[in-house]
Every structure is written in C-alpha cells, then in structure tokens.
Amino acid sequence: MPPFKDCRYLHLFILIMQDMVRYGIFLLLLAIAACNNNKKTTTKEEESDTAFNYETFTGWFKGASLPYQLTDSGLLNNEDTTTIRSEVFAHYISDSVKTKLFGKTTAKVKYVPLVYFKQANNEQYYVVKAVSGGKKTAMLAVFDKDAQFLNAFPFLVPDADPKTSQVSSIDKYFSINRAISRKMPNDVIVEGKDVYAFDGATKSFALVMTDVLEDNNQELINPIDTLSKKTPFAGDYIKDKRNIVSIRDGHNEKEIQFFVHFERMNGECNGELKGTALMTSSKTAVYNQGGDPCRLEFHFTSNSVRLKEAEGCGQYRGVKCIIEGSFPKKRESKTESGKQKKS
C-alpha cells in the first residue's frame, strides 16, 4: 500500500521533517558559536607588528631587583629569542642609538626582552637585548610613570678585543655604571668606568663621573649628538676622533648644552664633561653649576672654540692636566645642514 495513501500520515511526516530542520539549524548555530568561543587568543608572541601595548610590553620582561649587572660574556651567551614584535617600539629607538649599538649598518635590528626594574611613581627601566647581523648588544629603555617612552641608552656594547672585558650595572639608586678592564703585559689589569644618571627634566642620560681607560679602539659616544643645533655656535668642534667639543641648543637663547671629550699626552691626560653653560656675552659661555667647583669657559669665534679651565675640574679629568685648548669647528655637509633646517 502507498505510504501516504492516508493524508493523516502525510501530515505527520511533514511535521516530523519540519522539526528535523529546526533541530538541524539549532545544531548549526551551536557549532558556529562554539567555533567563535574557541577562536585562538592572540599571544604576546603574535602581537600585531604595528601595535604597542605597555602592559603587554611589560609582561614580556622578567622582574628583577637591584643592584643588577650584565657582563659581555653573559650577554653573548644569552639564548633568549622572544622578539618584541612592535614597530612602534622599534621606531622609538633613534638612529643615533642604533649607530652606537651596531655602527653604520643596514641590517634589521631585533629587540629581545630581558629584565625590568620598577620604581614607584617614577621612571621604569627595561634592559633589552638588541641583535643585528649576528652582533648582540644591550640597551636600556626608559618609560615614565604614565607609560610614555622617554629615551634609550646603549647599556652594553661588547667589543672584539679578547683582552678586554665589560660589565654594565645599575645600582639601587638607578645609577648606570659601564666598566671595562683590559689585561696588559705581565698580567697588569687597567680599568675604566663611566657613571650615568637619567635626568627626567631633559629626558636624557647625563655623565656624572668618568675614569677613562685609554682605548683607541672604542667608538666615542656623543650623548648629545641628536639634539637641536640651530643657534650660531651649535655644532661639533673636532681636533680628531678622540678630541671633540660638541655644542647644542639650550632650553633658551641664554644657554648651550655641551659635551667635551679629550685624550692627550699618550693617555696620561684624559677627560670628559657634559652639562649646560650660560652665555655670558655674545661670544662667551661659562659652565659653573651650584655645588660643583668646576668652572669652564667657552670662547667662540666663527670657526672655533677655545676652552679654559678657570677653576678646578679635577673630577672630570686626569690629575696631570687641565681642560684647555682650541678646537676647530667641523663644517656640516649640505645633507646635514638641510636636515637641520628641515627639523
């Protein structure tokens, strides 16, 4: 007998099919919802290359306590590979800092998180391994209490000299110490050290003490190189690559910022000083900070500057010399001059 000869069976069949369709749609919706709920969460390793989230950034680093130190061998043997995948953070790092870390290179730089140090209601310090072309270095990145990037600093840059060893450290007062030692003939060890402190007002690292190691192989770092130089006497005054006076714009027309580095007398006379000097006349500036016995005069001409140590600056130089001498002004290339005017 035909299955739907009786219309009642046909009606029942239609009702059953409608219920099955509804149930099928319900199962399909459940499956879609389950897929959405199981969508893979983006991990910090998969963070967008163009994003920067401060909380995520901090989460990549291991919290550490002070004092902290990093040796050149420890850095070179470090196997951490997790990369900070944020173009925004990469853009924070200026070309001048990259040059200090790697020299003039076109290779891409990878940034690897190491440790961070937190200060209550103050700056936060992050030690970052920077890798480029097989070379490993370390830098210090500083953020303020509101998670705004302030500056970066070359913390440790290993050299290729097997006779030297380097140790960079941060003490409990957040002073940055960069020390280098060299093994000389007859097992004599000579040492040098620079001490820096972060200046929140200028958002820069200030050299507060130096004990120079005679090392002509080390690249000289100019800490104010990237600052503005629009005023008439701003620029670089250079005898050679180890004897320079760098002048940059101050906070107003009555100030200049300066960096002095010199090495004379076959290493018996070395010194370095960075600070702010006041213009005392149209062609003269004087460094004379409260609490610092050092008084240093700058006498400018259109193409040179002459330094004169008017009062004791012994803490910034060797004991066998004083800070003095004339330095010719370096002519800027058209490219450098154009960039400065544009900025």
Protein backbone atom coordinates (compact mmCIF):
# COMPACT_ATOMS: atom_id res chain seq x y z
CA MET A 1 0.00 0.00 0.00
CA PRO A 2 1.43 3.51 -0.83
CA PRO A 3 2.87 5.12 2.37
CA PHE A 4 0.76 8.31 2.18
CA LYS A 5 -2.48 6.92 0.97
CA ASP A 6 -3.92 8.22 4.17
CA CYS A 7 -3.48 12.04 4.38
CA ARG A 8 -3.04 11.82 8.11
CA TYR A 9 0.30 10.05 7.59
CA LEU A 10 1.38 12.70 5.10
CA HIS A 11 0.64 15.48 7.60
CA LEU A 12 2.56 13.64 10.32
CA PHE A 13 5.55 13.20 8.00
CA ILE A 14 5.59 16.93 7.19
CA LEU A 15 5.56 17.83 10.90
CA ILE A 16 8.47 15.46 11.58
CA MET A 17 10.52 16.94 8.73
CA GLN A 18 9.89 20.50 9.97
CA ASP A 19 11.10 19.54 13.45
CA MET A 20 14.23 17.96 12.00
CA VAL A 21 15.04 21.12 10.01
CA ARG A 22 14.60 23.29 13.13
CA TYR A 23 16.82 20.96 15.13
CA GLY A 24 19.43 20.97 12.38
CA ILE A 25 19.52 24.79 12.30
CA PHE A 26 19.84 24.85 16.09
CA LEU A 27 22.83 22.48 15.96
CA LEU A 28 24.42 24.58 13.22
CA LEU A 29 24.09 27.74 15.34
CA LEU A 30 25.62 25.93 18.32
CA ALA A 31 28.55 24.83 16.16
CA ILE A 32 29.15 28.38 14.94
CA ALA A 33 29.06 29.73 18.49
CA ALA A 34 31.49 27.05 19.64
CA CYS A 35 33.90 27.97 16.84
CA ASN A 36 33.78 31.64 17.86
CA ASN A 37 34.38 30.79 21.51
CA ASN A 38 37.30 28.56 20.63
CA LYS A 39 38.98 31.18 18.43
CA LYS A 40 42.69 31.23 19.26
CA THR A 41 43.66 34.07 21.59
CA THR A 42 46.48 36.23 20.27
CA THR A 43 49.55 35.61 22.36
CA LYS A 44 52.18 38.20 23.09
CA GLU A 45 54.42 36.49 20.52
CA GLU A 46 51.68 37.05 17.92
CA GLU A 47 51.01 40.67 18.80
CA SER A 48 50.48 42.89 15.77
CA ASP A 49 53.67 44.33 14.36
CA THR A 50 52.09 47.78 14.37
CA ALA A 51 50.67 47.67 17.91
CA PHE A 52 52.23 48.75 21.18
CA ASN A 53 50.56 47.98 24.47
CA TYR A 54 52.53 48.96 27.56
CA GLU A 55 51.04 46.24 29.78
CA THR A 56 51.78 43.60 27.17
CA PHE A 57 55.27 45.03 26.70
CA THR A 58 55.99 44.86 30.43
CA GLY A 59 54.66 41.31 30.58
CA TRP A 60 57.42 40.14 28.28
CA PHE A 61 60.12 41.06 30.80
CA LYS A 62 61.23 39.30 33.96
CA GLY A 63 61.00 41.48 37.03
CA ALA A 64 64.39 41.90 38.71
CA SER A 65 65.78 43.58 41.81
CA LEU A 66 68.68 45.98 42.17
CA PRO A 67 71.64 46.00 42.07
CA TYR A 68 71.80 44.34 38.64
CA GLN A 69 74.74 43.65 36.37
CA LEU A 70 75.28 42.26 32.89
CA THR A 71 78.65 41.04 31.61
CA ASP A 72 79.72 40.93 27.98
CA SER A 73 80.11 37.14 28.18
CA GLY A 74 76.68 36.81 29.80
CA LEU A 75 75.11 38.85 27.04
CA LEU A 76 76.87 36.94 24.26
CA ASN A 77 75.82 33.60 25.79
CA ASN A 78 72.23 34.68 26.36
CA GLU A 79 69.86 32.42 24.40
CA ASP A 80 66.59 34.35 24.85
CA THR A 81 64.93 34.70 21.44
CA THR A 82 61.42 36.06 22.10
CA THR A 83 61.23 39.15 19.91
CA ILE A 84 59.37 42.35 20.74
CA ARG A 85 57.12 42.46 17.69
CA SER A 86 56.06 46.08 17.71
CA GLU A 87 57.03 48.53 15.00
CA VAL A 88 56.03 51.34 17.35
CA PHE A 89 58.66 50.31 19.90
CA ALA A 90 61.23 49.88 17.13
CA HIS A 91 60.51 53.45 15.96
CA TYR A 92 61.14 54.71 19.50
CA ILE A 93 64.82 53.82 19.12
CA SER A 94 66.67 56.64 17.38
CA ASP A 95 69.17 56.09 14.59
CA SER A 96 71.91 57.56 16.77
CA VAL A 97 71.35 54.89 19.44
CA LYS A 98 71.35 52.15 16.78
CA THR A 99 74.64 53.54 15.45
CA LYS A 100 76.16 53.40 18.94
CA LEU A 101 74.99 49.81 19.29
CA PHE A 102 75.97 48.49 15.87
CA GLY A 103 77.82 51.17 13.93
CA LYS A 104 76.58 52.08 10.49
CA THR A 105 74.59 49.01 9.46
CA THR A 106 71.56 48.43 7.28
CA ALA A 107 70.73 45.07 8.84
CA LYS A 108 67.39 44.82 10.62
CA VAL A 109 67.53 45.04 14.42
CA LYS A 110 65.64 42.54 16.59
CA TYR A 111 64.78 43.51 20.17
CA VAL A 112 64.61 40.79 22.83
CA PRO A 113 63.21 41.46 26.36
CA LEU A 114 65.49 40.64 29.31
CA VAL A 115 64.56 42.27 32.66
CA TYR A 116 62.88 45.37 34.02
CA PHE A 117 63.00 47.44 37.21
CA LYS A 118 60.03 49.32 38.58
CA GLN A 119 60.12 52.49 40.62
CA ALA A 120 57.02 53.67 42.46
CA ASN A 121 55.74 56.89 40.83
CA ASN A 122 58.93 57.27 38.82
CA GLU A 123 60.69 56.03 35.69
CA GLN A 124 60.63 52.36 34.69
CA TYR A 125 63.82 50.78 33.31
CA TYR A 126 63.89 47.93 30.76
CA VAL A 127 67.03 46.04 29.71
CA VAL A 128 66.64 44.96 26.09
CA LYS A 129 68.94 42.72 24.06
CA ALA A 130 69.39 44.11 20.55
CA VAL A 131 70.57 41.77 17.78
CA SER A 132 71.62 42.72 14.26
CA GLY A 133 73.67 40.84 11.71
CA GLY A 134 74.83 38.32 14.31
CA LYS A 135 76.01 41.02 16.74
CA LYS A 136 74.50 41.16 20.24
CA THR A 137 74.31 44.34 22.31
CA ALA A 138 72.13 45.59 25.16
CA MET A 139 70.31 48.86 25.65
CA LEU A 140 68.29 50.48 28.40
CA ALA A 141 64.79 51.76 27.57
CA VAL A 142 63.10 54.18 29.96
CA PHE A 143 59.38 54.91 30.33
CA ASP A 144 57.74 57.38 32.70
CA LYS A 145 55.09 56.52 35.30
CA ASP A 146 52.38 57.22 32.70
CA ALA A 147 53.80 54.60 30.32
CA GLN A 148 55.27 57.18 27.92
CA PHE A 149 58.59 56.34 26.27
CA LEU A 150 61.38 58.73 27.32
CA ASN A 151 64.71 57.57 25.92
CA ALA A 152 67.04 54.68 25.15
CA PHE A 153 70.68 54.25 26.08
CA PRO A 154 73.47 51.88 24.91
CA PHE A 155 73.87 49.78 28.08
CA LEU A 156 76.48 47.23 26.95
CA VAL A 157 78.29 47.00 23.61
CA PRO A 158 80.80 44.11 23.55
CA ASP A 159 83.95 44.65 21.52
CA ALA A 160 86.06 42.21 19.54
CA ASP A 161 89.17 42.61 21.70
CA PRO A 162 89.89 39.35 23.59
CA LYS A 163 91.98 41.28 26.11
CA THR A 164 89.06 43.35 27.40
CA SER A 165 86.02 42.52 29.46
CA GLN A 166 82.98 44.69 30.14
CA VAL A 167 80.42 44.86 32.91
CA SER A 168 77.41 47.19 32.92
CA SER A 169 75.34 47.56 36.06
CA ILE A 170 72.52 49.51 37.72
CA ASP A 171 72.75 50.19 41.43
CA LYS A 172 69.91 50.68 43.92
CA TYR A 173 69.91 54.42 43.18
CA PHE A 174 69.42 53.73 39.45
CA SER A 175 72.89 54.97 38.54
CA ILE A 176 74.20 53.26 35.41
CA ASN A 177 77.80 52.04 35.58
CA ARG A 178 79.69 50.92 32.48
CA ALA A 179 83.06 49.39 33.36
CA ILE A 180 85.77 47.98 31.12
CA SER A 181 89.03 46.27 32.04
CA ARG A 182 91.98 45.24 29.88
CA LYS A 183 94.67 42.70 30.53
CA MET A 184 98.07 44.20 29.79
CA PRO A 185 101.51 42.53 29.57
CA ASN A 186 102.81 40.99 32.82
CA ASP A 187 99.18 40.38 33.89
CA VAL A 188 98.62 44.05 34.68
CA ILE A 189 94.92 44.99 34.63
CA VAL A 190 93.85 48.52 33.71
CA GLU A 191 90.27 49.66 34.24
CA GLY A 192 87.96 52.43 33.14
CA LYS A 193 84.45 53.37 34.19
CA ASP A 194 81.67 55.76 33.23
CA VAL A 195 78.75 56.53 35.52
CA TYR A 196 75.49 57.91 34.11
CA ALA A 197 72.21 59.04 35.64
CA PHE A 198 68.89 59.61 33.93
CA ASP A 199 67.75 63.24 34.01
CA GLY A 200 63.95 63.35 33.97
CA ALA A 201 63.90 67.07 33.17
CA THR A 202 65.85 66.69 29.92
CA LYS A 203 64.83 63.05 29.29
CA SER A 204 68.48 62.18 28.74
CA PHE A 205 71.33 60.27 30.37
CA ALA A 206 73.91 62.54 31.98
CA LEU A 207 77.52 61.55 32.53
CA VAL A 208 78.22 62.17 36.22
CA MET A 209 81.66 60.56 36.57
CA THR A 210 84.33 59.10 34.30
CA ASP A 211 87.55 57.20 34.84
CA VAL A 212 88.86 56.90 31.30
CA LEU A 213 90.53 53.74 30.05
CA GLU A 214 92.94 54.55 27.23
CA ASP A 215 91.24 52.65 24.44
CA ASN A 216 91.58 54.00 20.95
CA ASN A 217 89.60 51.05 19.59
CA GLN A 218 86.44 52.06 21.42
CA GLU A 219 83.98 54.18 19.47
CA LEU A 220 83.47 57.56 21.11
CA ILE A 221 79.83 58.09 22.06
CA ASN A 222 78.47 61.64 21.85
CA PRO A 223 75.44 61.66 24.22
CA ILE A 224 74.03 64.92 22.82
CA ASP A 225 74.63 64.16 19.15
CA THR A 226 70.94 64.16 18.14
CA LEU A 227 69.92 67.35 19.98
CA SER A 228 68.99 70.51 18.09
CA LYS A 229 71.77 72.77 16.74
CA LYS A 230 70.09 75.86 15.32
CA THR A 231 71.93 78.57 17.27
CA PRO A 232 75.05 80.18 15.70
CA PHE A 233 77.70 78.37 17.76
CA ALA A 234 75.99 74.97 17.82
CA GLY A 235 77.89 72.20 16.07
CA ASP A 236 80.90 69.92 16.54
CA TYR A 237 84.42 71.23 17.12
CA ILE A 238 86.91 68.48 16.37
CA LYS A 239 90.69 68.05 16.54
CA ASP A 240 90.45 64.34 15.82
CA LYS A 241 88.05 61.49 16.57
CA ARG A 242 89.19 61.33 20.23
CA ASN A 243 89.20 65.09 20.95
CA ILE A 244 85.90 66.88 20.42
CA VAL A 245 83.69 69.63 21.80
CA SER A 246 80.02 69.25 20.88
CA ILE A 247 77.66 72.22 21.32
CA ARG A 248 73.88 72.01 21.06
CA ASP A 249 70.95 74.39 21.68
CA GLY A 250 69.95 75.08 25.26
CA HIS A 251 66.48 75.46 26.71
CA ASN A 252 66.59 79.15 25.85
CA GLU A 253 68.85 81.62 23.99
CA LYS A 254 70.98 82.20 27.10
CA GLU A 255 72.01 78.54 27.41
CA ILE A 256 74.01 75.98 25.48
CA GLN A 257 74.35 72.26 26.07
CA PHE A 258 77.84 70.82 25.67
CA PHE A 259 79.84 67.61 25.66
CA VAL A 260 83.65 67.66 25.92
CA HIS A 261 85.93 64.66 25.42
CA PHE A 262 89.72 64.80 25.13
CA GLU A 263 92.66 62.40 25.21
CA ARG A 264 96.20 63.79 25.26
CA MET A 265 99.76 63.04 26.36
CA ASN A 266 99.67 59.38 25.30
CA GLY A 267 96.84 58.59 27.66
CA GLU A 268 98.16 60.48 30.67
CA CYS A 269 95.62 63.28 30.18
CA ASN A 270 92.05 62.18 29.53
CA GLY A 271 88.74 63.74 30.44
CA GLU A 272 85.07 64.11 29.68
CA LEU A 273 82.38 66.53 30.79
CA LYS A 274 78.75 67.09 29.82
CA GLY A 275 76.46 69.85 31.04
CA THR A 276 74.75 73.20 30.45
CA ALA A 277 76.63 76.51 30.19
CA LEU A 278 75.27 80.06 30.33
CA MET A 279 76.10 82.64 27.66
CA THR A 280 77.85 85.49 29.50
CA SER A 281 78.47 87.53 26.35
CA SER A 282 77.84 87.28 22.64
CA LYS A 283 80.87 85.00 22.23
CA THR A 284 81.48 83.52 25.69
CA ALA A 285 79.76 80.84 27.76
CA VAL A 286 80.56 79.54 31.25
CA TYR A 287 79.83 76.25 32.97
CA ASN A 288 79.53 76.89 36.71
CA GLN A 289 76.89 74.75 38.42
CA GLY A 290 75.95 75.11 42.07
CA GLY A 291 77.77 72.58 44.24
CA ASP A 292 80.33 71.84 41.52
CA PRO A 293 83.74 73.54 41.96
CA CYS A 294 84.44 73.26 38.25
CA ARG A 295 84.30 76.47 36.22
CA LEU A 296 84.85 76.01 32.49
CA GLU A 297 84.85 78.83 29.95
CA PHE A 298 83.97 78.58 26.24
CA HIS A 299 85.33 81.31 23.96
CA PHE A 300 83.80 81.16 20.47
CA THR A 301 84.82 82.51 17.10
CA SER A 302 83.01 81.93 13.83
CA ASN A 303 85.02 78.76 13.20
CA SER A 304 86.46 77.56 16.53
CA VAL A 305 86.01 77.31 20.29
CA ARG A 306 88.70 77.69 22.95
CA LEU A 307 88.29 76.02 26.35
CA LYS A 308 89.72 77.43 29.56
CA GLU A 309 89.50 75.73 32.95
CA ALA A 310 89.07 78.74 35.21
CA GLU A 311 88.63 76.70 38.41
CA GLY A 312 89.26 73.11 39.44
CA CYS A 313 87.56 70.48 37.23
CA GLY A 314 89.72 67.64 38.52
CA GLN A 315 86.84 65.23 38.93
CA TYR A 316 86.32 65.25 35.15
CA ARG A 317 89.93 64.71 34.02
CA GLY A 318 93.25 63.15 34.88
CA VAL A 319 95.44 64.71 37.56
CA LYS A 320 98.29 65.57 35.17
CA CYS A 321 96.45 68.12 33.02
CA ILE A 322 93.67 70.69 32.85
CA ILE A 323 90.83 71.19 30.39
CA GLU A 324 92.08 73.62 27.77
CA GLY A 325 92.80 74.03 24.08
CA SER A 326 91.31 75.29 20.85
CA PHE A 327 89.05 73.13 18.66
CA PRO A 328 88.20 73.96 15.01
CA LYS A 329 84.54 73.76 14.01
CA LYS A 330 83.56 70.90 11.73
CA ARG A 331 81.87 72.01 8.53
CA GLU A 332 78.48 70.42 8.05
CA SER A 333 77.74 68.68 4.79
CA LYS A 334 74.88 70.00 2.69
CA THR A 335 72.88 66.91 3.65
CA GLU A 336 73.38 67.51 7.37
CA SER A 337 72.61 71.21 7.01
CA GLY A 338 69.44 70.50 5.05
CA LYS A 339 68.22 68.03 7.63
CA GLN A 340 68.85 70.52 10.43
CA LYS A 341 66.92 73.30 8.69
CA LYS A 342 64.07 70.92 7.97
CA SER A 343 63.88 69.84 11.60
